[in-house]
Amino acid sequence: MEHRSLYVIIAVLTALVAALTGSLVAVVEGGRLTVAFKTGVVAFAAALTLALGVMASLGVVGP
């Protein structure tokens, strides 16, 4: 497998872990499931954007 695609897969998995953590924190704090889902979606989008942005800056992914 090409290294670039491996790094993208790692970024997606890291973002999924961040989303799961955000959802669990929302549930533990007493939030409803819809709030936990929304928190997870926002955390996933933010973490994926940040991870891909850092990798693009380092020249790992991109043109």
C-alpha atoms as a PDB file:
ATOM      1  CA  MET A   1       0.000   0.000   0.000  1.00  0.00           C
ATOM      2  CA  GLU A   2       1.214   3.460  -0.801  1.00  0.00           C
ATOM      3  CA  HIS A   3       2.378   5.528   2.157  1.00  0.00           C
ATOM      4  CA  ARG A   4       0.097   8.460   1.379  1.00  0.00           C
ATOM      5  CA  SER A   5      -3.054   6.368   1.514  1.00  0.00           C
ATOM      6  CA  LEU A   6      -1.828   4.764   4.730  1.00  0.00           C
ATOM      7  CA  TYR A   7      -1.434   8.196   6.315  1.00  0.00           C
ATOM      8  CA  VAL A   8      -4.933   9.218   5.216  1.00  0.00           C
ATOM      9  CA  ILE A   9      -6.361   6.046   6.753  1.00  0.00           C
ATOM     10  CA  ILE A  10      -4.544   6.826   9.996  1.00  0.00           C
ATOM     11  CA  ALA A  11      -5.964  10.377   9.949  1.00  0.00           C
ATOM     12  CA  VAL A  12      -9.512   9.083   9.481  1.00  0.00           C
ATOM     13  CA  LEU A  13      -9.124   6.569  12.292  1.00  0.00           C
ATOM     14  CA  THR A  14      -7.728   9.263  14.583  1.00  0.00           C
ATOM     15  CA  ALA A  15     -10.688  11.488  13.775  1.00  0.00           C
ATOM     16  CA  LEU A  16     -13.083   8.626  14.536  1.00  0.00           C
ATOM     17  CA  VAL A  17     -11.446   8.133  17.947  1.00  0.00           C
ATOM     18  CA  ALA A  18     -11.807  11.863  18.646  1.00  0.00           C
ATOM     19  CA  ALA A  19     -15.475  11.716  17.646  1.00  0.00           C
ATOM     20  CA  LEU A  20     -16.116   8.716  19.890  1.00  0.00           C
ATOM     21  CA  THR A  21     -14.395  10.432  22.795  1.00  0.00           C
ATOM     22  CA  GLY A  22     -16.436  13.596  22.254  1.00  0.00           C
ATOM     23  CA  SER A  23     -19.664  11.617  22.182  1.00  0.00           C
ATOM     24  CA  LEU A  24     -18.812   9.699  25.332  1.00  0.00           C
ATOM     25  CA  VAL A  25     -17.919  12.884  27.184  1.00  0.00           C
ATOM     26  CA  ALA A  26     -21.248  14.416  26.149  1.00  0.00           C
ATOM     27  CA  VAL A  27     -23.164  11.365  27.418  1.00  0.00           C
ATOM     28  CA  VAL A  28     -21.221  11.227  30.696  1.00  0.00           C
ATOM     29  CA  GLU A  29     -21.964  14.899  31.325  1.00  0.00           C
ATOM     30  CA  GLY A  30     -25.658  14.087  31.132  1.00  0.00           C
ATOM     31  CA  GLY A  31     -26.383  15.142  27.569  1.00  0.00           C
ATOM     32  CA  ARG A  32     -29.036  13.535  25.391  1.00  0.00           C
ATOM     33  CA  LEU A  33     -28.065  11.173  22.617  1.00  0.00           C
ATOM     34  CA  THR A  34     -28.809  13.771  19.936  1.00  0.00           C
ATOM     35  CA  VAL A  35     -26.385  16.169  21.615  1.00  0.00           C
ATOM     36  CA  ALA A  36     -23.798  13.386  21.837  1.00  0.00           C
ATOM     37  CA  PHE A  37     -24.236  12.607  18.138  1.00  0.00           C
ATOM     38  CA  LYS A  38     -23.888  16.268  17.192  1.00  0.00           C
ATOM     39  CA  THR A  39     -20.780  16.577  19.373  1.00  0.00           C
ATOM     40  CA  GLY A  40     -19.288  13.506  17.715  1.00  0.00           C
ATOM     41  CA  VAL A  41     -19.938  14.866  14.231  1.00  0.00           C
ATOM     42  CA  VAL A  42     -18.323  18.203  15.051  1.00  0.00           C
ATOM     43  CA  ALA A  43     -15.337  16.496  16.698  1.00  0.00           C
ATOM     44  CA  PHE A  44     -14.886  14.192  13.680  1.00  0.00           C
ATOM     45  CA  ALA A  45     -14.974  17.079  11.211  1.00  0.00           C
ATOM     46  CA  ALA A  46     -12.575  19.177  13.266  1.00  0.00           C
ATOM     47  CA  ALA A  47     -10.104  16.361  13.907  1.00  0.00           C
ATOM     48  CA  LEU A  48     -10.077  15.210  10.288  1.00  0.00           C
ATOM     49  CA  THR A  49      -9.577  18.749   9.009  1.00  0.00           C
ATOM     50  CA  LEU A  50      -6.768  19.342  11.480  1.00  0.00           C
ATOM     51  CA  ALA A  51      -5.019  16.034  10.754  1.00  0.00           C
ATOM     52  CA  LEU A  52      -5.208  16.454   6.975  1.00  0.00           C
ATOM     53  CA  GLY A  53      -4.134  20.096   7.271  1.00  0.00           C
ATOM     54  CA  VAL A  54      -1.057  19.147   9.259  1.00  0.00           C
ATOM     55  CA  MET A  55      -0.205  16.366   6.818  1.00  0.00           C
ATOM     56  CA  ALA A  56      -0.633  18.729   3.873  1.00  0.00           C
ATOM     57  CA  SER A  57       1.663  21.256   5.550  1.00  0.00           C
ATOM     58  CA  LEU A  58       4.298  18.594   6.057  1.00  0.00           C
ATOM     59  CA  GLY A  59       3.957  17.513   2.436  1.00  0.00           C
ATOM     60  CA  VAL A  60       2.753  14.006   3.223  1.00  0.00           C
ATOM     61  CA  VAL A  61      -0.507  14.316   1.281  1.00  0.00           C
ATOM     62  CA  GLY A  62      -1.566  16.632  -1.483  1.00  0.00           C
ATOM     63  CA  PRO A  63      -0.390  17.390  -4.992  1.00  0.00           C
END
